[in-house]
C-alpha atoms as a PDB file:
ATOM      1  CA  MET A   1     117.880  -8.400   8.265  1.00  0.00           C
ATOM      2  CA  ASN A   2     117.664  -5.754  11.059  1.00  0.00           C
ATOM      3  CA  TRP A   3     115.214  -3.091   9.406  1.00  0.00           C
ATOM      4  CA  GLU A   4     115.414  -0.900  12.528  1.00  0.00           C
ATOM      5  CA  ALA A   5     119.055  -0.095  12.018  1.00  0.00           C
ATOM      6  CA  ILE A   6     118.864   0.161   7.869  1.00  0.00           C
ATOM      7  CA  ILE A   7     116.031   2.741   8.411  1.00  0.00           C
ATOM      8  CA  LEU A   8     117.768   4.395  11.415  1.00  0.00           C
ATOM      9  CA  THR A   9     121.286   4.405   9.061  1.00  0.00           C
ATOM     10  CA  ALA A  10     119.123   5.768   5.874  1.00  0.00           C
ATOM     11  CA  ASN A  11     117.290   8.625   8.138  1.00  0.00           C
ATOM     12  CA  LEU A  12     120.838   9.678   8.943  1.00  0.00           C
ATOM     13  CA  ALA A  13     122.199   9.689   5.327  1.00  0.00           C
ATOM     14  CA  SER A  14     119.139  11.434   4.140  1.00  0.00           C
ATOM     15  CA  ILE A  15     119.383  14.174   7.209  1.00  0.00           C
ATOM     16  CA  VAL A  16     123.220  14.550   6.407  1.00  0.00           C
ATOM     17  CA  SER A  17     122.893  15.417   2.741  1.00  0.00           C
ATOM     18  CA  ALA A  18     120.313  17.554   3.060  1.00  0.00           C
ATOM     19  CA  ILE A  19     122.818  19.364   5.844  1.00  0.00           C
ATOM     20  CA  LEU A  20     125.546  19.216   3.189  1.00  0.00           C
ATOM     21  CA  PHE A  21     123.633  20.657   0.559  1.00  0.00           C
ATOM     22  CA  LEU A  22     122.996  23.504   2.611  1.00  0.00           C
ATOM     23  CA  ILE A  23     125.981  24.502   3.791  1.00  0.00           C
ATOM     24  CA  GLY A  24     128.160  22.990   1.235  1.00  0.00           C
ATOM     25  CA  ILE A  25     126.890  24.885  -1.508  1.00  0.00           C
ATOM     26  CA  PRO A  26     127.846  28.340  -0.530  1.00  0.00           C
ATOM     27  CA  LEU A  27     131.390  27.270   0.860  1.00  0.00           C
ATOM     28  CA  ALA A  28     132.008  25.822  -2.552  1.00  0.00           C
ATOM     29  CA  TYR A  29     130.947  29.306  -4.678  1.00  0.00           C
ATOM     30  CA  TRP A  30     132.671  30.889  -2.290  1.00  0.00           C
ATOM     31  CA  ILE A  31     136.104  28.552  -2.848  1.00  0.00           C
ATOM     32  CA  SER A  32     135.403  28.327  -6.781  1.00  0.00           C
ATOM     33  CA  PHE A  33     135.033  32.227  -6.901  1.00  0.00           C
ATOM     34  CA  SER A  34     137.191  33.553  -4.470  1.00  0.00           C
ATOM     35  CA  LYS A  35     140.152  35.961  -5.074  1.00  0.00           C
ATOM     36  CA  LEU A  36     141.823  35.551  -1.853  1.00  0.00           C
ATOM     37  CA  ARG A  37     145.153  33.799  -1.508  1.00  0.00           C
ATOM     38  CA  PHE A  38     144.565  31.766   1.744  1.00  0.00           C
ATOM     39  CA  ARG A  39     141.402  29.824  -0.299  1.00  0.00           C
ATOM     40  CA  PHE A  40     143.800  27.325  -0.463  1.00  0.00           C
ATOM     41  CA  LEU A  41     143.827  26.967   3.560  1.00  0.00           C
ATOM     42  CA  VAL A  42     140.114  26.219   3.208  1.00  0.00           C
ATOM     43  CA  GLU A  43     140.498  23.799   1.004  1.00  0.00           C
ATOM     44  CA  ALA A  44     142.820  21.686   2.822  1.00  0.00           C
ATOM     45  CA  VAL A  45     139.899  21.486   5.826  1.00  0.00           C
ATOM     46  CA  VAL A  46     137.624  20.526   3.459  1.00  0.00           C
ATOM     47  CA  ALA A  47     139.404  17.946   2.199  1.00  0.00           C
ATOM     48  CA  LEU A  48     141.138  16.581   5.814  1.00  0.00           C
ATOM     49  CA  PRO A  49     138.992  13.858   6.324  1.00  0.00           C
ATOM     50  CA  LEU A  50     140.071  12.423   3.452  1.00  0.00           C
ATOM     51  CA  VAL A  51     143.034  11.562   5.356  1.00  0.00           C
ATOM     52  CA  LEU A  52     142.456  11.670   8.337  1.00  0.00           C
ATOM     53  CA  PRO A  53     142.088   8.074  10.837  1.00  0.00           C
ATOM     54  CA  PRO A  54     138.194   7.966  11.085  1.00  0.00           C
ATOM     55  CA  THR A  55     139.277   7.518  15.171  1.00  0.00           C
ATOM     56  CA  VAL A  56     140.979  10.700  15.503  1.00  0.00           C
ATOM     57  CA  LEU A  57     138.368  12.596  13.742  1.00  0.00           C
ATOM     58  CA  GLY A  58     135.652  10.485  15.791  1.00  0.00           C
ATOM     59  CA  TYR A  59     138.074  11.265  18.799  1.00  0.00           C
ATOM     60  CA  TYR A  60     137.616  15.198  18.274  1.00  0.00           C
ATOM     61  CA  VAL A  61     134.298  15.492  17.450  1.00  0.00           C
ATOM     62  CA  LEU A  62     133.376  13.697  20.991  1.00  0.00           C
ATOM     63  CA  VAL A  63     136.161  16.014  22.743  1.00  0.00           C
ATOM     64  CA  ALA A  64     134.014  18.989  21.145  1.00  0.00           C
ATOM     65  CA  ILE A  65     130.484  17.878  21.769  1.00  0.00           C
ATOM     66  CA  SER A  66     131.126  16.690  25.467  1.00  0.00           C
ATOM     67  CA  PRO A  67     129.330  17.713  27.830  1.00  0.00           C
ATOM     68  CA  ASN A  68     132.423  19.906  29.413  1.00  0.00           C
ATOM     69  CA  SER A  69     132.665  21.681  25.854  1.00  0.00           C
ATOM     70  CA  PHE A  70     131.068  25.113  24.849  1.00  0.00           C
ATOM     71  CA  LEU A  71     128.633  23.371  22.143  1.00  0.00           C
ATOM     72  CA  GLY A  72     127.543  20.330  24.813  1.00  0.00           C
ATOM     73  CA  ARG A  73     126.984  22.769  27.427  1.00  0.00           C
ATOM     74  CA  VAL A  74     125.369  25.191  25.296  1.00  0.00           C
ATOM     75  CA  TYR A  75     122.897  22.001  23.376  1.00  0.00           C
ATOM     76  CA  THR A  76     122.743  20.766  27.270  1.00  0.00           C
ATOM     77  CA  GLY A  77     121.650  24.567  28.151  1.00  0.00           C
ATOM     78  CA  LEU A  78     118.913  24.417  25.223  1.00  0.00           C
ATOM     79  CA  PHE A  79     117.788  20.581  25.375  1.00  0.00           C
ATOM     80  CA  GLY A  80     118.167  19.318  28.372  1.00  0.00           C
ATOM     81  CA  THR A  81     120.033  16.060  27.285  1.00  0.00           C
ATOM     82  CA  THR A  82     123.901  15.118  25.604  1.00  0.00           C
ATOM     83  CA  LEU A  83     125.500  14.710  22.228  1.00  0.00           C
ATOM     84  CA  PRO A  84     127.857  11.992  22.825  1.00  0.00           C
ATOM     85  CA  PHE A  85     126.266   8.966  22.404  1.00  0.00           C
ATOM     86  CA  SER A  86     122.759  10.622  21.060  1.00  0.00           C
ATOM     87  CA  PHE A  87     121.514  10.577  17.280  1.00  0.00           C
ATOM     88  CA  GLN A  88     121.920  14.442  16.688  1.00  0.00           C
ATOM     89  CA  GLY A  89     125.745  13.679  17.855  1.00  0.00           C
ATOM     90  CA  LEU A  90     125.930  10.769  14.959  1.00  0.00           C
ATOM     91  CA  VAL A  91     124.562  13.652  12.442  1.00  0.00           C
ATOM     92  CA  ILE A  92     127.216  16.290  13.671  1.00  0.00           C
ATOM     93  CA  ALA A  93     130.137  13.630  13.180  1.00  0.00           C
ATOM     94  CA  SER A  94     129.105  12.224   9.934  1.00  0.00           C
ATOM     95  CA  VAL A  95     128.208  15.874   8.696  1.00  0.00           C
ATOM     96  CA  LEU A  96     132.216  16.797   9.097  1.00  0.00           C
ATOM     97  CA  TYR A  97     132.983  12.990   8.006  1.00  0.00           C
ATOM     98  CA  SER A  98     131.408  13.239   4.958  1.00  0.00           C
ATOM     99  CA  PHE A  99     131.978  17.116   4.095  1.00  0.00           C
ATOM    100  CA  PRO A 100     134.804  16.302   1.126  1.00  0.00           C
ATOM    101  CA  PHE A 101     132.468  14.059  -0.346  1.00  0.00           C
ATOM    102  CA  ALA A 102     129.970  17.071  -1.177  1.00  0.00           C
ATOM    103  CA  VAL A 103     131.727  19.864  -1.106  1.00  0.00           C
ATOM    104  CA  GLN A 104     134.734  18.784  -3.664  1.00  0.00           C
ATOM    105  CA  PRO A 105     132.387  17.685  -6.675  1.00  0.00           C
ATOM    106  CA  PHE A 106     130.651  21.402  -5.679  1.00  0.00           C
ATOM    107  CA  ILE A 107     133.657  23.080  -6.311  1.00  0.00           C
ATOM    108  CA  THR A 108     134.461  21.114  -9.682  1.00  0.00           C
ATOM    109  CA  SER A 109     131.378  21.513 -11.178  1.00  0.00           C
ATOM    110  CA  PHE A 110     131.336  25.142  -9.976  1.00  0.00           C
ATOM    111  CA  ASP A 111     134.824  25.546 -11.665  1.00  0.00           C
ATOM    112  CA  SER A 112     133.827  24.148 -15.091  1.00  0.00           C
ATOM    113  CA  VAL A 113     130.746  26.480 -15.942  1.00  0.00           C
ATOM    114  CA  ASP A 114     132.052  28.791 -18.806  1.00  0.00           C
ATOM    115  CA  LYS A 115     132.841  32.089 -17.043  1.00  0.00           C
ATOM    116  CA  ARG A 116     131.751  33.789 -20.693  1.00  0.00           C
ATOM    117  CA  PHE A 117     127.713  32.669 -19.320  1.00  0.00           C
ATOM    118  CA  ILE A 118     128.577  34.432 -15.945  1.00  0.00           C
ATOM    119  CA  GLU A 119     130.021  37.148 -17.593  1.00  0.00           C
ATOM    120  CA  ALA A 120     127.066  37.847 -19.916  1.00  0.00           C
ATOM    121  CA  SER A 121     124.909  37.560 -17.250  1.00  0.00           C
ATOM    122  CA  TRP A 122     126.481  40.150 -15.023  1.00  0.00           C
ATOM    123  CA  THR A 123     126.543  42.535 -17.905  1.00  0.00           C
ATOM    124  CA  LEU A 124     122.867  42.544 -18.513  1.00  0.00           C
ATOM    125  CA  GLY A 125     122.754  43.649 -14.906  1.00  0.00           C
ATOM    126  CA  ALA A 126     121.754  40.507 -12.563  1.00  0.00           C
ATOM    127  CA  SER A 127     122.711  40.333  -9.245  1.00  0.00           C
ATOM    128  CA  LYS A 128     125.575  37.308  -8.034  1.00  0.00           C
ATOM    129  CA  LEU A 129     122.677  35.810  -6.303  1.00  0.00           C
ATOM    130  CA  LYS A 130     120.468  35.746  -9.373  1.00  0.00           C
ATOM    131  CA  THR A 131     123.398  34.715 -11.873  1.00  0.00           C
ATOM    132  CA  PHE A 132     124.014  31.869  -9.190  1.00  0.00           C
ATOM    133  CA  LEU A 133     120.619  30.621  -9.384  1.00  0.00           C
ATOM    134  CA  THR A 134     119.960  31.053 -12.969  1.00  0.00           C
ATOM    135  CA  ILE A 135     123.428  30.195 -14.534  1.00  0.00           C
ATOM    136  CA  ILE A 136     125.684  28.853 -12.171  1.00  0.00           C
ATOM    137  CA  LEU A 137     123.758  26.434 -10.196  1.00  0.00           C
ATOM    138  CA  PRO A 138     121.740  24.772 -13.063  1.00  0.00           C
ATOM    139  CA  LEU A 139     124.748  24.443 -15.289  1.00  0.00           C
ATOM    140  CA  SER A 140     125.914  22.303 -11.947  1.00  0.00           C
ATOM    141  CA  VAL A 141     123.446  20.124 -11.580  1.00  0.00           C
ATOM    142  CA  PRO A 142     125.793  16.594 -12.679  1.00  0.00           C
ATOM    143  CA  GLY A 143     128.331  17.780  -9.888  1.00  0.00           C
ATOM    144  CA  VAL A 144     125.439  18.701  -7.280  1.00  0.00           C
ATOM    145  CA  VAL A 145     124.236  15.614  -7.730  1.00  0.00           C
ATOM    146  CA  THR A 146     127.151  13.939  -7.533  1.00  0.00           C
ATOM    147  CA  GLY A 147     128.544  15.344  -4.157  1.00  0.00           C
ATOM    148  CA  LEU A 148     124.957  14.545  -2.553  1.00  0.00           C
ATOM    149  CA  VAL A 149     125.001  10.904  -3.619  1.00  0.00           C
ATOM    150  CA  LEU A 150     128.355  10.224  -2.582  1.00  0.00           C
ATOM    151  CA  SER A 151     127.756  12.054   0.774  1.00  0.00           C
ATOM    152  CA  PHE A 152     124.841   9.805   1.027  1.00  0.00           C
ATOM    153  CA  ALA A 153     126.330   6.188   0.020  1.00  0.00           C
ATOM    154  CA  HIS A 154     129.443   7.492   2.176  1.00  0.00           C
ATOM    155  CA  THR A 155     127.382   7.833   5.365  1.00  0.00           C
ATOM    156  CA  LEU A 156     125.421   4.640   4.501  1.00  0.00           C
ATOM    157  CA  GLY A 157     128.895   2.913   5.243  1.00  0.00           C
ATOM    158  CA  GLU A 158     130.286   5.185   7.591  1.00  0.00           C
ATOM    159  CA  PHE A 159     131.861   2.620  11.163  1.00  0.00           C
ATOM    160  CA  GLY A 160     134.662   4.097  13.005  1.00  0.00           C
ATOM    161  CA  VAL A 161     133.143   7.511  13.530  1.00  0.00           C
ATOM    162  CA  VAL A 162     129.799   6.214  14.515  1.00  0.00           C
ATOM    163  CA  LEU A 163     131.178   3.690  16.949  1.00  0.00           C
ATOM    164  CA  MET A 164     133.321   6.742  18.428  1.00  0.00           C
ATOM    165  CA  VAL A 165     131.062   9.021  18.327  1.00  0.00           C
ATOM    166  CA  GLY A 166     127.397   7.126  18.581  1.00  0.00           C
ATOM    167  CA  GLY A 167     128.475   3.823  20.227  1.00  0.00           C
ATOM    168  CA  ASN A 168     126.184   0.869  19.441  1.00  0.00           C
ATOM    169  CA  ILE A 169     122.731   1.436  21.222  1.00  0.00           C
ATOM    170  CA  PRO A 170     119.718  -0.071  19.485  1.00  0.00           C
ATOM    171  CA  GLY A 171     117.392   2.441  17.703  1.00  0.00           C
ATOM    172  CA  VAL A 172     118.993   5.564  18.469  1.00  0.00           C
ATOM    173  CA  THR A 173     123.078   5.090  17.011  1.00  0.00           C
ATOM    174  CA  ARG A 174     123.274   1.143  15.625  1.00  0.00           C
ATOM    175  CA  THR A 175     123.713   1.632  12.201  1.00  0.00           C
ATOM    176  CA  VAL A 176     124.311  -0.898   9.332  1.00  0.00           C
ATOM    177  CA  SER A 177     127.788  -1.112   9.886  1.00  0.00           C
ATOM    178  CA  ILE A 178     128.000  -1.563  13.612  1.00  0.00           C
ATOM    179  CA  ASP A 179     124.848  -4.045  13.180  1.00  0.00           C
ATOM    180  CA  ILE A 180     127.268  -6.080  10.230  1.00  0.00           C
ATOM    181  CA  TYR A 181     130.519  -5.621  12.362  1.00  0.00           C
ATOM    182  CA  ASP A 182     127.990  -7.173  15.742  1.00  0.00           C
ATOM    183  CA  LYS A 183     126.629 -10.181  13.739  1.00  0.00           C
ATOM    184  CA  VAL A 184     130.268 -11.063  12.314  1.00  0.00           C
ATOM    185  CA  GLN A 185     131.638 -10.820  16.158  1.00  0.00           C
ATOM    186  CA  ALA A 186     128.429 -13.121  17.186  1.00  0.00           C
ATOM    187  CA  LEU A 187     129.410 -15.654  14.290  1.00  0.00           C
ATOM    188  CA  ASN A 188     126.428 -14.733  12.545  1.00  0.00           C
ATOM    189  CA  TYR A 189     127.929 -14.849   9.424  1.00  0.00           C
ATOM    190  CA  GLN A 190     124.705 -15.593   7.282  1.00  0.00           C
ATOM    191  CA  GLU A 191     122.841 -12.534   8.470  1.00  0.00           C
ATOM    192  CA  ALA A 192     125.752 -10.156   8.260  1.00  0.00           C
ATOM    193  CA  GLY A 193     126.221 -11.731   4.445  1.00  0.00           C
ATOM    194  CA  GLN A 194     122.786 -10.746   3.893  1.00  0.00           C
ATOM    195  CA  THR A 195     122.939  -7.103   5.297  1.00  0.00           C
ATOM    196  CA  SER A 196     126.159  -6.471   3.740  1.00  0.00           C
ATOM    197  CA  LEU A 197     124.722  -7.856  -0.148  1.00  0.00           C
ATOM    198  CA  PHE A 198     121.636  -5.902   0.791  1.00  0.00           C
ATOM    199  CA  LEU A 199     124.372  -2.521   1.429  1.00  0.00           C
ATOM    200  CA  LEU A 200     126.519  -3.758  -1.518  1.00  0.00           C
ATOM    201  CA  ILE A 201     123.431  -3.320  -4.034  1.00  0.00           C
ATOM    202  CA  VAL A 202     122.444  -0.032  -2.337  1.00  0.00           C
ATOM    203  CA  SER A 203     125.544   1.480  -2.682  1.00  0.00           C
ATOM    204  CA  PHE A 204     126.289   0.192  -6.518  1.00  0.00           C
ATOM    205  CA  THR A 205     122.313   1.289  -7.495  1.00  0.00           C
ATOM    206  CA  VAL A 206     123.049   4.505  -5.838  1.00  0.00           C
ATOM    207  CA  LEU A 207     126.316   5.256  -7.920  1.00  0.00           C
ATOM    208  CA  SER A 208     125.273   3.494 -11.120  1.00  0.00           C
ATOM    209  CA  VAL A 209     121.989   6.471 -11.045  1.00  0.00           C
ATOM    210  CA  VAL A 210     124.432   9.178 -10.529  1.00  0.00           C
ATOM    211  CA  TYR A 211     126.622   8.303 -13.496  1.00  0.00           C
ATOM    212  CA  LEU A 212     123.719   7.697 -15.540  1.00  0.00           C
ATOM    213  CA  ILE A 213     122.574  10.855 -15.050  1.00  0.00           C
ATOM    214  CA  ASN A 214     125.620  12.703 -15.585  1.00  0.00           C
ATOM    215  CA  ARG A 215     126.292  10.958 -18.596  1.00  0.00           C
ATOM    216  CA  LYS A 216     122.571  12.119 -20.011  1.00  0.00           C
ATOM    217  CA  ASP A 217     123.551  15.695 -18.802  1.00  0.00           C
ATOM    218  CA  LEU A 218     126.568  15.842 -20.718  1.00  0.00           C
ATOM    219  CA  THR A 219     124.594  14.423 -24.001  1.00  0.00           C
ATOM    220  CA  LEU A 220     122.330  16.831 -23.461  1.00  0.00           C
ATOM    221  CA  TRP A 221     125.091  19.665 -23.301  1.00  0.00           C
ATOM    222  CA  HIS A 222     126.891  18.841 -26.463  1.00  0.00           C
ATOM    223  CA  GLN A 223     123.701  18.476 -28.601  1.00  0.00           C
ATOM    224  CA  LYS A 224     122.307  22.134 -27.253  1.00  0.00           C
ATOM    225  CA  TYR A 225     125.701  23.700 -27.613  1.00  0.00           C
END
């Protein structure tokens, strides 16, 4: 197996999950508790990668980060390199592609928190931030964990967006899915099968852990309340 591609993919998935946590939690909180009527448009934008073909998303990301774009010029001016066909560009594309897999579970989890607990916290004088940190977030742990794990697992199996934005550069943008594709193209079915099986086992294990954690949390919740 190509351990270089496996390690690179694991690093990519970890970074993407961390970024989605940092930007997804505030956005999910706003969507869940905002009273603005147009918030459904924001929800639609968040869910867009679920129905948008990866090649279409990859094309628009590639255009947005190209050296001729505003973002591309700013990045090149700061770091002296370009974003397309780089690991950094791959991170941006992967964050956008996995966005709904993290944010939607966050929103669902925040929506399920008993509003009486939130109102009681406000009545006792707690700020919205303190209420979020001490009431909403702890009660939303299963949904937050689910979102992070789903985004991690989804990033592990990316193909179309990765190929469009990152290409196939060994040690830089060649992820596990690209490596499997290369092996199949080279008729190396044995190594392709081994890597595919490894990815299948990892994905199954990750999802099993998520469901186990959620089941235990639900059991503890019923026992406590």
